[in-house]
Amino acid sequence: MIRSAALLLALASATPAAAQLAGEPFIHDPSTVTLSDGRWYTFGTRQGGLVSDDGWTWHGGPVRPGGGVAPDVIKIGERYYVAYAVGGGGMSGGHASQVKIMWTLSLDPKSPRFGYHDVGVVASSDGVETADAIDPAFLLVDGRLWLTYGTYFGPIRIVELDPKTGLRVAGNQPVDVAIDMEATAMMYRDGWYYLLGTHGTCCDGPNSTYHIRVGRARSPLGPYLDHMGVPLLRGGGKLVVSARGRSIGPGHFGRIQLDGGVEKFSMHYEADMDRSGRSVLGIQPLLWRDGWPVAGENVVPGTYEIASERSGYALGLATDFVRIPFDARASFMAKPSDPVAPLPDQSLAQDSAGWPQGRVRVDLADYMVRPHQLWTITPVAGAGGWFGAPYYRLTIAGTTRALAATAAGEVEAVPVFTGAAEQLWQIDQLTDGSYRIKPKTVPGGRRDLALVAIGASTPSLAAFDPASPAGRWTFRRP
């Protein structure tokens, strides 16, 4: 089926410019997003927090006693350790603060395993020294537990904790690892320790200049250098993410490692310009380029060629090839002085004249800039989503023909998009910048299949293998 140009224009104008988390994602200084009893949790300054079933729709409800600011959460064994700071940050005019630890066996207040137990103080500042013991963040590597803390008022420091108790290792002294940042986080990858910190100013809504930078070291104690060799102890840092679109002031990085090698990160934006400038939770893909983390991008609504990383061929309807009228002699036998003029693109009407009326098989073929190879990607309002991105519909541009999963584990184009679960697609950017495409469900209930190139020219649904290019796709503007 083919829609009128007026209807398509109306649909395009109603499409949001960028994906935003659904629900009430209002939070400041979020902790690393953590799974507990099948749901995802994050906690913020004071006692508030958010919970989600899918990483897309967020609501209030988690409980964290102790108040304070900028907590972080990590699961070690059966325990969820929570670190938070009380005092400091220049609030009430001072920088005297304490970082405290507590633990619980569940983050769900309704669970019988829920209940916090105090561990004690693991770091402090007296308000006179040039340090501020707030904004704690955990990292567990090879059985050793590290905690960073600090703000612009003095250095960022790191201490080692006992992962069995949460207490500071006896005799362990803080080590200065960076300056000119706050709200730090740590990651470990391929033998490198990464220290991420928030630079700029906070707490001024759309005027906040918060952004996240990173350095790396071979030891958790440093020295941390950026990509230009500038030490973080001298204010260095490679940019990871800054303001984008109508989302201003990203800060408080938290790494999220999902199935199939997918990585994302959480943060808060100081101001969501579409939500009264309030501070909100944000989730973005995490990419790795030349050994450095960088913010990725959810697929932007629009029309694309969808190309297989396995073969380079384009996804399209399996229809007869329709030639563009052309006399080869006009090219090979023309004189240099002969006049030239543009050839028109093949129209949708020309390409679709012989298409079947019902369901159409989908295949992979040489990209020829033909209408049956152009897909319009559109977020589906009210259909939910998965970890930082909504579910999308994929339709042949200018038509109602929609990509759908079949009960046999194949893919086809159905005549009309109905909103059925097998027509909703989860699109996750992978760490190399390509994308994984998964149906919300396959008829029969399977939810663990992805779009995969079986050989050079056959798209199908199969388990995603992060080590193979067969399930990786790129979106290219025509």
Protein backbone atom coordinates (compact mmCIF):
# COMPACT_ATOMS: atom_id res chain seq x y z
CA MET A 1 0.00 0.00 0.00
CA ILE A 2 1.16 3.56 -0.73
CA ARG A 3 0.24 6.54 1.38
CA SER A 4 -0.41 9.98 0.03
CA ALA A 5 2.39 12.55 0.22
CA ALA A 6 0.26 14.75 2.48
CA LEU A 7 -0.28 11.96 4.99
CA LEU A 8 3.41 11.07 5.01
CA LEU A 9 4.33 14.71 5.62
CA ALA A 10 1.93 14.89 8.54
CA LEU A 11 3.35 11.73 10.05
CA ALA A 12 6.92 13.01 9.66
CA SER A 13 6.12 16.32 11.33
CA ALA A 14 4.62 14.47 14.31
CA THR A 15 7.70 12.31 14.82
CA PRO A 16 9.89 13.30 17.79
CA ALA A 17 13.32 14.60 16.83
CA ALA A 18 15.10 12.36 19.36
CA ALA A 19 14.22 9.59 21.78
CA GLN A 20 13.55 10.53 25.38
CA LEU A 21 12.93 8.18 28.28
CA ALA A 22 9.26 7.66 29.10
CA GLY A 23 7.45 7.98 32.41
CA GLU A 24 8.75 10.35 35.06
CA PRO A 25 12.55 10.09 34.75
CA PHE A 26 13.23 13.01 37.09
CA ILE A 27 16.44 12.56 39.07
CA HIS A 28 19.70 14.30 39.92
CA ASP A 29 23.07 12.60 40.42
CA PRO A 30 21.88 9.08 39.47
CA SER A 31 23.74 6.00 40.62
CA THR A 32 24.82 3.31 38.17
CA VAL A 33 21.68 1.56 36.86
CA THR A 34 21.51 -1.85 38.56
CA LEU A 35 19.34 -4.94 38.05
CA SER A 36 17.59 -6.40 41.11
CA ASP A 37 14.79 -9.00 41.14
CA GLY A 38 14.09 -8.47 37.45
CA ARG A 39 13.80 -4.68 37.56
CA TRP A 40 16.26 -1.84 37.01
CA TYR A 41 17.04 0.71 39.74
CA THR A 42 18.90 3.97 40.11
CA PHE A 43 19.13 6.29 43.11
CA GLY A 44 19.71 10.02 43.29
CA THR A 45 20.54 12.84 45.65
CA ARG A 46 18.43 12.87 48.80
CA GLN A 47 16.32 9.71 49.23
CA GLY A 48 14.71 9.44 45.81
CA GLY A 49 15.20 6.93 43.06
CA LEU A 50 13.71 5.44 39.90
CA VAL A 51 12.70 1.94 38.83
CA SER A 52 12.01 0.44 35.41
CA ASP A 53 10.98 -2.90 33.95
CA ASP A 54 12.62 -2.25 30.58
CA GLY A 55 15.10 0.62 30.89
CA TRP A 56 12.77 2.87 28.87
CA THR A 57 9.83 3.77 31.14
CA TRP A 58 10.87 5.00 34.58
CA HIS A 59 8.87 5.76 37.73
CA GLY A 60 9.63 6.72 41.31
CA GLY A 61 9.45 4.19 44.12
CA PRO A 62 12.84 2.89 45.29
CA VAL A 63 13.79 3.46 48.90
CA ARG A 64 17.24 4.43 50.12
CA PRO A 65 17.61 5.63 53.71
CA GLY A 66 20.34 7.99 54.81
CA GLY A 67 19.60 10.93 52.53
CA GLY A 68 22.77 12.62 51.39
CA VAL A 69 23.97 13.17 47.85
CA ALA A 70 25.18 11.38 44.73
CA PRO A 71 24.93 7.69 45.68
CA ASP A 72 26.34 4.75 43.75
CA VAL A 73 25.33 1.06 43.75
CA ILE A 74 27.23 -2.15 42.99
CA LYS A 75 26.26 -5.80 43.38
CA ILE A 76 28.90 -8.12 44.84
CA GLY A 77 27.74 -11.67 45.48
CA GLU A 78 24.30 -11.43 47.05
CA ARG A 79 24.82 -7.94 48.43
CA TYR A 80 24.00 -4.59 46.90
CA TYR A 81 26.42 -2.06 48.34
CA VAL A 82 25.28 1.56 48.35
CA ALA A 83 27.74 4.42 48.86
CA TYR A 84 26.52 7.96 49.52
CA ALA A 85 27.81 11.20 50.97
CA VAL A 86 26.50 13.30 53.81
CA GLY A 87 27.54 16.95 53.92
CA GLY A 88 30.13 18.67 51.76
CA GLY A 89 29.72 19.98 48.26
CA GLY A 90 29.75 23.55 49.46
CA MET A 91 26.25 23.08 50.83
CA SER A 92 25.63 25.08 53.99
CA GLY A 93 28.91 26.80 53.19
CA GLY A 94 31.28 23.90 53.84
CA HIS A 95 33.19 20.94 52.48
CA ALA A 96 33.18 18.71 55.55
CA SER A 97 31.68 15.42 54.44
CA GLN A 98 31.56 11.68 54.97
CA VAL A 99 31.16 8.83 52.48
CA LYS A 100 29.09 6.08 54.04
CA ILE A 101 28.35 2.51 52.95
CA MET A 102 25.31 0.31 53.54
CA TRP A 103 24.06 -2.91 51.97
CA THR A 104 20.88 -4.84 51.24
CA LEU A 105 20.03 -8.17 49.59
CA SER A 106 17.42 -6.57 47.33
CA LEU A 107 16.68 -3.09 46.04
CA ASP A 108 12.94 -3.85 45.84
CA PRO A 109 11.17 -2.44 48.91
CA LYS A 110 8.52 -5.17 48.59
CA SER A 111 11.02 -8.03 48.68
CA PRO A 112 11.47 -10.04 51.89
CA ARG A 113 15.21 -9.70 51.27
CA PHE A 114 15.02 -5.91 51.36
CA GLY A 115 16.58 -4.13 54.34
CA TYR A 116 19.61 -1.89 54.67
CA HIS A 117 22.52 -2.57 56.99
CA ASP A 118 25.02 0.16 57.84
CA VAL A 119 28.68 -0.57 57.17
CA GLY A 120 30.22 2.72 58.25
CA VAL A 121 32.30 5.66 57.06
CA VAL A 122 34.95 4.84 54.41
CA ALA A 123 36.15 8.35 53.52
CA SER A 124 35.82 11.83 54.99
CA SER A 125 36.93 15.43 54.66
CA ASP A 126 37.16 17.93 57.50
CA GLY A 127 36.21 21.08 55.60
CA VAL A 128 39.70 22.57 56.05
CA GLU A 129 41.78 20.30 53.82
CA THR A 130 41.54 20.84 50.06
CA ALA A 131 39.32 17.84 49.43
CA ASP A 132 35.61 17.09 49.55
CA ALA A 133 34.41 13.56 50.31
CA ILE A 134 31.28 13.36 48.15
CA ASP A 135 30.20 11.81 44.83
CA PRO A 136 31.42 8.24 45.52
CA ALA A 137 31.62 5.59 42.77
CA PHE A 138 32.54 1.88 42.84
CA LEU A 139 34.67 -0.36 40.60
CA LEU A 140 35.27 -4.10 41.13
CA VAL A 141 38.13 -5.68 39.14
CA ASP A 142 39.78 -9.05 39.78
CA GLY A 143 38.30 -9.27 43.25
CA ARG A 144 39.50 -5.82 44.34
CA LEU A 145 37.00 -3.06 45.12
CA TRP A 146 37.83 0.59 44.52
CA LEU A 147 35.99 3.77 45.41
CA THR A 148 36.58 7.21 43.90
CA TYR A 149 35.23 10.43 45.37
CA GLY A 150 35.73 14.19 45.27
CA THR A 151 34.66 17.42 43.60
CA TYR A 152 36.12 20.59 42.10
CA PHE A 153 37.09 21.60 45.63
CA GLY A 154 40.43 19.82 45.56
CA PRO A 155 41.44 16.48 44.07
CA ILE A 156 39.57 13.35 43.09
CA ARG A 157 40.71 10.55 45.37
CA ILE A 158 40.63 6.76 45.29
CA VAL A 159 40.62 4.26 48.16
CA GLU A 160 40.43 0.47 48.27
CA LEU A 161 37.56 -1.28 50.03
CA ASP A 162 37.10 -4.88 51.18
CA PRO A 163 34.49 -6.43 48.83
CA LYS A 164 33.41 -8.84 51.58
CA THR A 165 32.54 -6.12 54.10
CA GLY A 166 32.44 -2.82 52.24
CA LEU A 167 34.86 -1.34 54.76
CA ARG A 168 38.09 0.38 53.81
CA VAL A 169 41.07 -1.97 53.61
CA ALA A 170 43.07 -1.57 56.80
CA GLY A 171 45.87 0.97 56.42
CA ASN A 172 44.75 2.04 52.96
CA GLN A 173 45.28 5.73 52.33
CA PRO A 174 43.58 7.91 49.70
CA VAL A 175 45.51 8.59 46.50
CA ASP A 176 44.93 11.74 44.41
CA VAL A 177 44.20 10.85 40.78
CA ALA A 178 42.58 13.92 39.13
CA ILE A 179 41.55 17.55 39.52
CA ASP A 180 38.98 19.89 37.95
CA MET A 181 36.16 17.33 37.93
CA GLU A 182 33.46 15.77 40.08
CA ALA A 183 30.88 12.98 39.93
CA THR A 184 33.51 10.44 38.88
CA ALA A 185 33.08 6.88 37.70
CA MET A 186 35.50 4.10 36.80
CA MET A 187 35.58 1.34 34.18
CA TYR A 188 38.00 -1.45 33.31
CA ARG A 189 38.55 -2.76 29.77
CA ASP A 190 41.37 -4.58 28.00
CA GLY A 191 43.93 -3.90 30.72
CA TRP A 192 43.04 -0.21 31.08
CA TYR A 193 41.42 1.56 34.01
CA TYR A 194 39.27 4.48 32.88
CA LEU A 195 38.45 7.40 35.14
CA LEU A 196 35.50 9.46 33.98
CA GLY A 197 34.56 12.76 35.55
CA THR A 198 32.08 15.55 35.07
CA HIS A 199 33.54 18.93 34.10
CA GLY A 200 31.79 22.30 34.01
CA THR A 201 29.06 23.86 36.12
CA CYS A 202 25.91 22.25 37.48
CA CYS A 203 22.62 23.15 39.02
CA ASP A 204 21.67 26.03 36.70
CA GLY A 205 19.25 24.22 34.39
CA PRO A 206 19.75 25.17 30.72
CA ASN A 207 22.75 27.31 31.67
CA SER A 208 24.69 24.39 33.16
CA THR A 209 27.89 23.47 31.33
CA TYR A 210 28.26 19.93 32.71
CA HIS A 211 29.97 17.46 30.35
CA ILE A 212 31.84 14.18 30.87
CA ARG A 213 35.55 13.56 30.16
CA VAL A 214 37.87 10.57 30.62
CA GLY A 215 41.47 9.53 31.15
CA ARG A 216 43.01 6.08 31.47
CA ALA A 217 45.83 4.26 33.27
CA ARG A 218 47.29 0.79 33.58
CA SER A 219 46.85 0.91 37.37
CA PRO A 220 43.76 1.93 39.33
CA LEU A 221 46.00 4.37 41.21
CA GLY A 222 47.05 6.14 38.01
CA PRO A 223 48.64 8.10 36.55
CA TYR A 224 45.57 8.84 34.39
CA LEU A 225 46.25 10.52 31.03
CA ASP A 226 43.93 11.64 28.28
CA HIS A 227 44.30 10.90 24.54
CA MET A 228 46.77 13.79 24.18
CA GLY A 229 48.90 12.63 27.09
CA VAL A 230 47.67 15.35 29.47
CA PRO A 231 47.42 14.05 33.07
CA LEU A 232 44.06 14.26 34.78
CA LEU A 233 46.01 15.64 37.73
CA ARG A 234 46.64 18.67 35.50
CA GLY A 235 43.07 19.05 34.33
CA GLY A 236 43.18 16.80 31.24
CA GLY A 237 40.36 14.67 29.93
CA LYS A 238 39.03 13.41 26.58
CA LEU A 239 35.42 14.36 25.84
CA VAL A 240 32.89 11.52 26.15
CA VAL A 241 29.57 13.38 25.94
CA SER A 242 28.31 16.95 26.09
CA ALA A 243 24.98 18.71 25.53
CA ARG A 244 23.00 17.51 22.53
CA GLY A 245 19.78 18.71 21.00
CA ARG A 246 17.48 19.92 23.77
CA SER A 247 19.25 17.93 26.50
CA ILE A 248 21.71 20.11 28.40
CA GLY A 249 24.48 19.35 30.89
CA PRO A 250 25.20 15.58 31.05
CA GLY A 251 26.86 14.39 34.26
CA HIS A 252 27.24 11.36 36.58
CA PHE A 253 28.31 8.58 34.18
CA GLY A 254 27.32 4.97 34.89
CA ARG A 255 28.26 2.02 32.65
CA ILE A 256 25.52 -0.49 31.74
CA GLN A 257 26.65 -3.83 30.26
CA LEU A 258 23.77 -5.73 28.62
CA ASP A 259 23.38 -9.00 26.75
CA GLY A 260 25.17 -9.68 23.47
CA GLY A 261 28.01 -7.27 24.17
CA VAL A 262 25.73 -4.22 24.08
CA GLU A 263 26.98 -1.39 26.29
CA LYS A 264 25.13 1.76 27.28
CA PHE A 265 25.62 4.40 29.93
CA SER A 266 23.39 6.33 32.26
CA MET A 267 23.72 9.96 33.30
CA HIS A 268 21.50 12.84 34.17
CA TYR A 269 20.89 15.89 32.05
CA GLU A 270 20.86 19.07 34.07
CA ALA A 271 18.00 20.31 31.89
CA ASP A 272 15.53 18.60 29.58
CA MET A 273 14.24 21.54 27.56
CA ASP A 274 11.08 19.59 26.72
CA ARG A 275 10.34 18.90 30.39
CA SER A 276 10.44 22.39 31.89
CA GLY A 277 14.22 22.31 32.10
CA ARG A 278 14.12 19.69 34.86
CA SER A 279 16.97 17.30 35.65
CA VAL A 280 16.25 13.90 34.09
CA LEU A 281 17.79 10.48 33.64
CA GLY A 282 19.42 9.86 30.27
CA ILE A 283 20.64 6.60 28.69
CA GLN A 284 22.85 6.50 25.57
CA PRO A 285 24.78 3.82 23.66
CA LEU A 286 28.44 3.49 24.64
CA LEU A 287 30.95 3.10 21.81
CA TRP A 288 34.67 2.25 21.90
CA ARG A 289 36.97 3.92 19.37
CA ASP A 290 40.73 3.47 19.42
CA GLY A 291 40.49 2.25 22.99
CA TRP A 292 38.44 5.21 24.23
CA PRO A 293 34.80 5.41 25.31
CA VAL A 294 32.55 7.82 23.45
CA ALA A 295 28.82 8.49 23.44
CA GLY A 296 26.89 6.76 20.68
CA GLU A 297 23.60 7.71 19.10
CA ASN A 298 20.20 6.10 18.97
CA VAL A 299 19.06 5.80 15.37
CA VAL A 300 17.51 9.08 14.28
CA PRO A 301 14.03 8.82 12.73
CA GLY A 302 14.26 9.08 8.95
CA THR A 303 14.68 7.14 5.73
CA TYR A 304 17.70 4.86 5.24
CA GLU A 305 19.37 2.09 3.36
CA ILE A 306 19.84 -0.75 5.88
CA ALA A 307 23.12 -2.46 4.99
CA SER A 308 24.44 -5.79 6.24
CA GLU A 309 27.90 -5.68 7.79
CA ARG A 310 28.38 -9.27 6.62
CA SER A 311 27.95 -8.73 2.87
CA GLY A 312 27.41 -5.02 2.40
CA TYR A 313 24.14 -5.80 0.63
CA ALA A 314 20.99 -3.81 1.34
CA LEU A 315 17.79 -5.03 2.97
CA GLY A 316 14.79 -4.77 0.64
CA LEU A 317 11.70 -6.38 -0.79
CA ALA A 318 12.36 -9.51 -2.83
CA THR A 319 10.79 -8.21 -6.03
CA ASP A 320 11.66 -8.22 -9.72
CA PHE A 321 14.31 -5.71 -10.71
CA VAL A 322 12.82 -2.75 -12.57
CA ARG A 323 15.20 -1.06 -14.98
CA ILE A 324 15.59 2.68 -15.27
CA PRO A 325 15.15 3.53 -18.97
CA PHE A 326 18.62 4.09 -20.38
CA ASP A 327 20.41 3.81 -23.71
CA ALA A 328 23.95 2.60 -23.02
CA ARG A 329 25.14 4.23 -26.22
CA ALA A 330 24.33 7.59 -24.65
CA SER A 331 27.14 6.90 -22.20
CA PHE A 332 29.74 4.90 -24.09
CA MET A 333 29.46 6.56 -27.49
CA ALA A 334 28.67 10.16 -26.54
CA LYS A 335 31.08 12.90 -27.52
CA PRO A 336 32.64 15.03 -24.78
CA SER A 337 30.85 18.03 -26.25
CA ASP A 338 27.39 16.41 -26.18
CA PRO A 339 24.97 18.07 -23.69
CA VAL A 340 24.34 16.38 -20.34
CA ALA A 341 21.24 16.38 -18.13
CA PRO A 342 20.27 14.66 -14.86
CA LEU A 343 18.53 11.29 -15.00
CA PRO A 344 15.49 11.11 -12.70
CA ASP A 345 15.47 8.66 -9.81
CA GLN A 346 13.22 5.66 -10.18
CA SER A 347 9.84 6.58 -8.72
CA LEU A 348 7.94 4.53 -6.17
CA ALA A 349 5.13 4.07 -8.70
CA GLN A 350 7.56 2.66 -11.27
CA ASP A 351 9.21 0.31 -8.80
CA SER A 352 5.99 -0.89 -7.13
CA ALA A 353 3.93 -1.60 -10.25
CA GLY A 354 4.68 -5.32 -10.06
CA TRP A 355 4.83 -5.81 -6.30
CA PRO A 356 2.59 -8.52 -4.82
CA GLN A 357 -0.45 -7.23 -2.94
CA GLY A 358 0.01 -9.34 0.18
CA ARG A 359 3.04 -10.30 2.25
CA VAL A 360 6.38 -9.95 0.49
CA ARG A 361 9.59 -11.82 1.20
CA VAL A 362 12.59 -9.70 2.23
CA ASP A 363 16.12 -10.27 0.93
CA LEU A 364 19.57 -8.69 0.60
CA ALA A 365 20.89 -7.40 -2.70
CA ASP A 366 23.18 -4.84 -4.31
CA TYR A 367 22.09 -1.39 -3.24
CA MET A 368 20.69 0.32 -6.34
CA VAL A 369 18.95 3.32 -4.73
CA ARG A 370 15.60 1.73 -5.53
CA PRO A 371 12.42 2.55 -3.56
CA HIS A 372 12.03 -1.08 -2.41
CA GLN A 373 15.41 -0.73 -0.60
CA LEU A 374 14.54 2.43 1.35
CA TRP A 375 13.18 2.06 4.87
CA THR A 376 11.57 4.73 7.02
CA ILE A 377 12.44 4.31 10.71
CA THR A 378 9.83 5.77 13.08
CA PRO A 379 9.43 5.56 16.89
CA VAL A 380 6.06 4.05 17.78
CA ALA A 381 4.23 6.24 20.28
CA GLY A 382 2.88 4.37 23.29
CA ALA A 383 4.55 1.06 22.35
CA GLY A 384 7.28 1.20 25.00
CA GLY A 385 10.94 0.62 24.42
CA TRP A 386 14.16 -0.93 25.69
CA PHE A 387 17.10 0.72 27.43
CA GLY A 388 17.22 4.25 26.23
CA ALA A 389 15.34 3.86 22.94
CA PRO A 390 11.70 3.37 21.91
CA TYR A 391 10.45 0.52 19.77
CA TYR A 392 10.47 1.43 16.08
CA ARG A 393 8.48 0.53 13.01
CA LEU A 394 10.38 -0.11 9.77
CA THR A 395 8.33 0.59 6.66
CA ILE A 396 9.22 0.83 2.99
CA ALA A 397 9.45 4.59 2.43
CA GLY A 398 6.23 6.08 1.11
CA THR A 399 4.17 2.96 1.88
CA THR A 400 2.48 1.14 4.73
CA ARG A 401 4.49 -2.05 4.12
CA ALA A 402 6.15 -2.95 7.43
CA LEU A 403 8.95 -5.32 8.38
CA ALA A 404 7.63 -8.16 10.53
CA ALA A 405 8.91 -11.33 12.18
CA THR A 406 7.21 -14.62 11.32
CA ALA A 407 6.44 -17.67 13.44
CA ALA A 408 9.02 -19.59 11.37
CA GLY A 409 11.76 -17.22 12.51
CA GLU A 410 11.95 -15.36 9.20
CA VAL A 411 11.24 -11.77 8.17
CA GLU A 412 8.77 -10.39 5.66
CA ALA A 413 7.03 -7.15 4.73
CA VAL A 414 3.34 -7.13 5.66
CA PRO A 415 0.94 -4.85 3.75
CA VAL A 416 0.03 -2.62 6.71
CA PHE A 417 1.65 -1.80 10.05
CA THR A 418 -0.77 -2.78 12.83
CA GLY A 419 1.41 -2.27 15.91
CA ALA A 420 1.64 -6.01 16.62
CA ALA A 421 4.62 -7.04 18.73
CA GLU A 422 6.26 -8.83 15.79
CA GLN A 423 6.24 -5.51 13.88
CA LEU A 424 8.00 -3.58 16.67
CA TRP A 425 11.79 -3.45 16.47
CA GLN A 426 14.43 -2.86 19.11
CA ILE A 427 17.47 -1.11 17.62
CA ASP A 428 20.61 -1.05 19.79
CA GLN A 429 23.84 0.62 18.74
CA LEU A 430 26.80 -1.67 19.33
CA THR A 431 30.20 -0.65 20.65
CA ASP A 432 31.68 -0.39 17.13
CA GLY A 433 28.93 1.98 15.95
CA SER A 434 26.88 -0.55 13.96
CA TYR A 435 23.43 -1.66 15.12
CA ARG A 436 21.64 -4.78 16.30
CA ILE A 437 18.00 -5.11 15.18
CA LYS A 438 15.61 -7.33 17.18
CA PRO A 439 11.85 -7.88 17.02
CA LYS A 440 10.03 -7.24 20.28
CA THR A 441 8.69 -10.77 20.04
CA VAL A 442 8.40 -13.53 17.44
CA PRO A 443 4.97 -15.13 17.04
CA GLY A 444 5.00 -17.96 19.54
CA GLY A 445 6.66 -15.89 22.25
CA ARG A 446 10.41 -15.99 21.52
CA ARG A 447 12.17 -12.73 22.44
CA ASP A 448 15.85 -13.62 22.02
CA LEU A 449 16.25 -13.46 18.23
CA ALA A 450 17.90 -10.78 16.10
CA LEU A 451 17.96 -9.90 12.42
CA VAL A 452 20.92 -11.83 10.94
CA ALA A 453 22.33 -12.26 7.44
CA ILE A 454 22.35 -16.00 6.69
CA GLY A 455 24.88 -16.04 3.88
CA ALA A 456 25.27 -13.03 1.63
CA SER A 457 21.67 -12.52 0.54
CA THR A 458 19.26 -14.07 3.04
CA PRO A 459 18.06 -12.16 6.11
CA SER A 460 16.58 -14.26 8.89
CA LEU A 461 16.17 -14.32 12.66
CA ALA A 462 18.71 -16.08 14.87
CA ALA A 463 20.54 -15.71 18.15
CA PHE A 464 22.82 -12.69 18.08
CA ASP A 465 26.55 -13.44 18.12
CA PRO A 466 28.52 -10.34 19.20
CA ALA A 467 31.69 -11.79 17.64
CA SER A 468 30.15 -12.08 14.17
CA PRO A 469 29.33 -9.35 11.61
CA ALA A 470 26.28 -11.36 10.50
CA GLY A 471 24.00 -9.61 12.97
CA ARG A 472 25.43 -6.11 12.56
CA TRP A 473 23.72 -3.47 10.44
CA THR A 474 24.36 0.12 9.41
CA PHE A 475 21.84 2.82 8.54
CA ARG A 476 22.89 4.99 5.59
CA ARG A 477 21.10 8.04 4.26
CA PRO A 478 20.13 7.58 0.60
